[in-house]
Protein backbone atom coordinates (compact mmCIF):
# COMPACT_ATOMS: atom_id res chain seq x y z
CA MET A 1 5.05 -1.58 27.29
CA SER A 2 4.21 -2.07 23.43
CA ARG A 3 6.84 -3.19 21.61
CA ILE A 4 6.68 -1.38 18.60
CA GLY A 5 4.93 1.94 20.08
CA ARG A 6 7.92 2.12 22.26
CA LEU A 7 10.77 2.09 19.24
CA PRO A 8 11.16 5.64 18.04
CA VAL A 9 9.84 6.43 13.98
CA GLN A 10 13.29 8.25 12.77
CA LEU A 11 12.89 11.29 10.01
CA PRO A 12 14.82 11.03 7.23
CA GLN A 13 17.10 14.36 5.40
CA GLY A 14 14.17 16.34 4.22
CA VAL A 15 11.24 14.81 6.16
CA SER A 16 9.18 17.32 8.85
CA LEU A 17 6.27 16.77 11.08
CA THR A 18 3.65 18.98 12.36
CA VAL A 19 2.13 17.50 15.45
CA SER A 20 -1.61 18.49 16.62
CA LYS A 21 -3.38 17.73 18.80
CA THR A 22 -5.40 14.68 16.91
CA SER A 23 -3.16 14.19 13.91
CA VAL A 24 0.51 14.20 12.62
CA GLN A 25 1.28 16.22 9.79
CA VAL A 26 4.26 14.36 7.54
CA LYS A 27 5.87 16.74 4.77
CA GLY A 28 8.91 15.26 2.75
CA PRO A 29 9.89 15.66 -0.64
CA LYS A 30 7.34 13.28 -2.13
CA GLY A 31 4.28 15.04 -0.83
CA THR A 32 2.01 15.44 2.29
CA LEU A 33 0.00 13.42 4.59
CA ALA A 34 -1.57 13.25 7.31
CA THR A 35 -2.00 10.76 10.39
CA PRO A 36 -4.80 11.07 13.05
CA LEU A 37 -3.30 10.49 17.05
CA PRO A 38 -6.16 8.11 18.82
CA GLY A 39 -7.15 9.84 21.52
CA GLY A 40 -4.30 9.11 24.66
CA ILE A 41 -1.41 9.03 22.32
CA VAL A 42 1.04 12.04 22.39
CA CYS A 43 3.49 12.87 19.85
CA LYS A 44 7.46 14.54 21.09
CA VAL A 45 9.43 15.91 17.60
CA GLU A 46 13.00 15.39 19.25
CA GLY A 47 15.87 15.92 16.75
CA SER A 48 15.77 13.37 13.58
CA GLU A 49 13.49 10.81 15.86
CA ALA A 50 9.85 10.87 16.74
CA HIS A 51 8.08 9.58 19.46
CA LEU A 52 4.66 8.21 20.68
CA THR A 53 3.42 7.95 24.36
CA ARG A 54 0.35 6.95 26.08
CA ARG A 55 -1.08 8.09 28.95
CA ASN A 56 -2.11 4.99 30.80
CA ASP A 57 -1.49 0.97 30.42
CA GLU A 58 -5.35 -0.03 29.46
CA ARG A 59 -5.71 -2.97 26.94
CA GLN A 60 -6.95 -0.28 24.58
CA GLN A 61 -4.76 2.22 24.86
CA ARG A 62 -2.11 -0.26 24.29
CA ALA A 63 -3.36 -1.97 20.84
CA LEU A 64 -3.57 1.83 19.75
CA HIS A 65 -0.09 2.70 21.07
CA GLY A 66 1.40 0.45 17.95
CA LEU A 67 -1.30 0.93 15.15
CA ALA A 68 -0.60 5.04 15.82
CA ARG A 69 3.16 3.96 15.72
CA ALA A 70 2.78 2.43 12.87
CA LEU A 71 1.04 4.74 10.94
CA LEU A 72 2.89 7.13 11.73
CA ALA A 73 6.53 5.13 10.79
CA ASN A 74 4.36 4.43 7.42
CA ALA A 75 3.75 7.99 6.42
CA VAL A 76 6.86 8.96 7.40
CA LYS A 77 8.03 5.78 4.78
CA GLY A 78 5.45 7.18 2.16
CA VAL A 79 6.69 10.87 1.77
CA SER A 80 10.50 9.78 1.84
CA ALA A 81 10.62 6.73 -0.42
CA GLY A 82 7.18 6.41 -1.52
CA TRP A 83 5.29 2.92 -1.89
CA THR A 84 5.21 0.25 -4.98
CA ARG A 85 3.25 -3.22 -5.26
CA ASP A 86 4.17 -5.48 -8.62
CA LEU A 87 1.43 -6.84 -10.62
CA ASP A 88 2.17 -9.60 -12.73
CA ILE A 89 -0.65 -10.71 -15.93
CA GLN A 90 -0.30 -14.18 -16.61
CA GLY A 91 -2.51 -16.02 -19.79
CA ILE A 92 -2.46 -15.98 -23.52
CA GLY A 93 -3.51 -12.62 -24.51
CA TYR A 94 -3.92 -10.96 -21.75
CA ARG A 95 -2.68 -7.23 -21.04
CA ALA A 96 -2.42 -3.71 -19.82
CA THR A 97 -1.71 -0.56 -21.59
CA VAL A 98 -2.29 2.86 -19.52
CA GLN A 99 -4.07 5.43 -21.76
CA GLY A 100 -4.58 8.96 -20.31
CA LYS A 101 -5.68 8.89 -16.46
CA ASN A 102 -7.28 4.79 -17.32
CA VAL A 103 -5.18 1.52 -18.07
CA GLU A 104 -7.48 -0.87 -20.40
CA PHE A 105 -7.65 -4.46 -19.69
CA ALA A 106 -7.79 -7.59 -21.86
CA LEU A 107 -8.16 -10.15 -19.64
CA GLY A 108 -9.75 -13.11 -21.73
CA TYR A 109 -13.54 -11.13 -21.68
CA SER A 110 -15.62 -10.07 -24.78
CA HIS A 111 -14.48 -6.42 -23.84
CA PRO A 112 -12.00 -4.23 -22.19
CA ILE A 113 -12.06 -3.69 -18.99
CA THR A 114 -11.15 0.32 -18.25
CA PHE A 115 -9.71 0.83 -14.33
CA PRO A 116 -9.95 4.60 -13.38
CA ILE A 117 -6.59 5.39 -11.77
CA PRO A 118 -6.72 7.12 -8.50
CA GLU A 119 -5.63 10.95 -7.35
CA GLY A 120 -2.19 10.66 -5.65
CA ILE A 121 -2.04 6.56 -7.87
CA THR A 122 0.78 6.00 -10.30
CA VAL A 123 0.69 3.14 -12.73
CA THR A 124 3.34 2.21 -15.20
CA VAL A 125 2.82 -0.81 -17.35
CA GLU A 126 5.84 -2.84 -18.76
CA LYS A 127 6.23 -4.74 -21.40
CA GLN A 128 1.96 -5.08 -21.69
CA THR A 129 2.15 -7.53 -18.26
CA LYS A 130 4.10 -6.32 -15.44
CA VAL A 131 1.87 -3.16 -13.23
CA SER A 132 3.75 -1.40 -11.10
CA ILE A 133 1.33 0.57 -8.42
CA ALA A 134 3.37 3.97 -6.81
CA GLY A 135 1.87 6.32 -4.34
CA VAL A 136 2.66 7.87 -0.90
CA ASP A 137 0.09 6.59 0.78
CA ARG A 138 0.33 3.15 1.73
CA GLN A 139 -3.02 2.32 2.17
CA LYS A 140 -4.36 3.88 -1.02
CA VAL A 141 -1.44 1.76 -3.28
CA GLY A 142 -2.83 -1.47 -1.32
CA GLN A 143 -5.79 -0.78 -1.84
CA VAL A 144 -5.94 -0.10 -5.49
CA ALA A 145 -3.28 -3.17 -6.18
CA ALA A 146 -6.25 -5.70 -5.02
CA GLU A 147 -9.36 -3.79 -7.30
CA ILE A 148 -7.12 -4.42 -10.17
CA ARG A 149 -6.09 -7.98 -8.74
CA SER A 150 -9.81 -8.45 -8.03
CA LEU A 151 -10.29 -7.77 -12.25
CA ARG A 152 -9.40 -11.52 -12.50
CA PRO A 153 -7.98 -13.44 -9.82
CA PRO A 154 -5.69 -16.30 -10.40
CA GLU A 155 -7.08 -19.43 -10.85
CA PRO A 156 -5.82 -22.70 -9.53
CA TYR A 157 -5.16 -25.21 -12.22
CA LYS A 158 -3.51 -23.09 -14.92
CA GLY A 159 -2.68 -20.16 -12.78
CA LYS A 160 -3.99 -17.84 -15.55
CA GLY A 161 -5.18 -14.03 -13.94
CA ILE A 162 -3.83 -10.97 -11.86
CA ARG A 163 -1.57 -11.92 -9.40
CA TYR A 164 1.03 -10.09 -7.09
CA MET A 165 4.82 -10.00 -7.83
CA ASP A 166 5.33 -12.13 -5.17
CA GLU A 167 2.72 -14.21 -4.62
CA VAL A 168 2.77 -18.23 -4.55
CA ILE A 169 -0.34 -19.75 -6.34
CA LYS A 170 -0.80 -23.87 -5.12
CA LYS A 171 -2.48 -25.47 -8.23
CA LYS A 172 -4.42 -28.36 -8.16
CA VAL A 173 -3.72 -31.27 -10.35
CA GLY A 174 -6.74 -31.54 -12.89
CA LYS A 175 -9.30 -33.96 -14.16
CA THR A 176 -7.19 -37.68 -15.29
CA GLY A 177 -8.45 -39.50 -18.81
CA ALA A 178 -9.67 -43.43 -18.40
């Protein structure tokens, strides 16, 4: 049995599940999400727990069992507590500001970069160098964070650029003078 798939998903207060054949609708205080159920995986709600079972022990079913459980657990956490990802901007003159539905970055280029904020995502900037991305969908939050980081990835010599808050950059040694 899958070690991840056999674990029950705890449903916090205020979170409800609606199960259909192909998906599970998760509704909570922060919003609603739909999680797909692969063929052969069945979800049953018992009290404040959701259990996922598979029809047989084929390799594909075992893999999808753990995946479906992880996606459901992420959706439950998203609609109850939400997901956040923090970015740090380092470099002289590098900064970010939120203007309406866009984030404007000054990242050492000759022009400012405007990044549109997608639907369902909130972006906050504090002290012009700390960017926080929040939302209910874990995949969407991570994708937006990766797209913002790709605007100016941290370079290995001085560490300038946009990095994740918990990211460690291994710095390279520069040229030695003669």
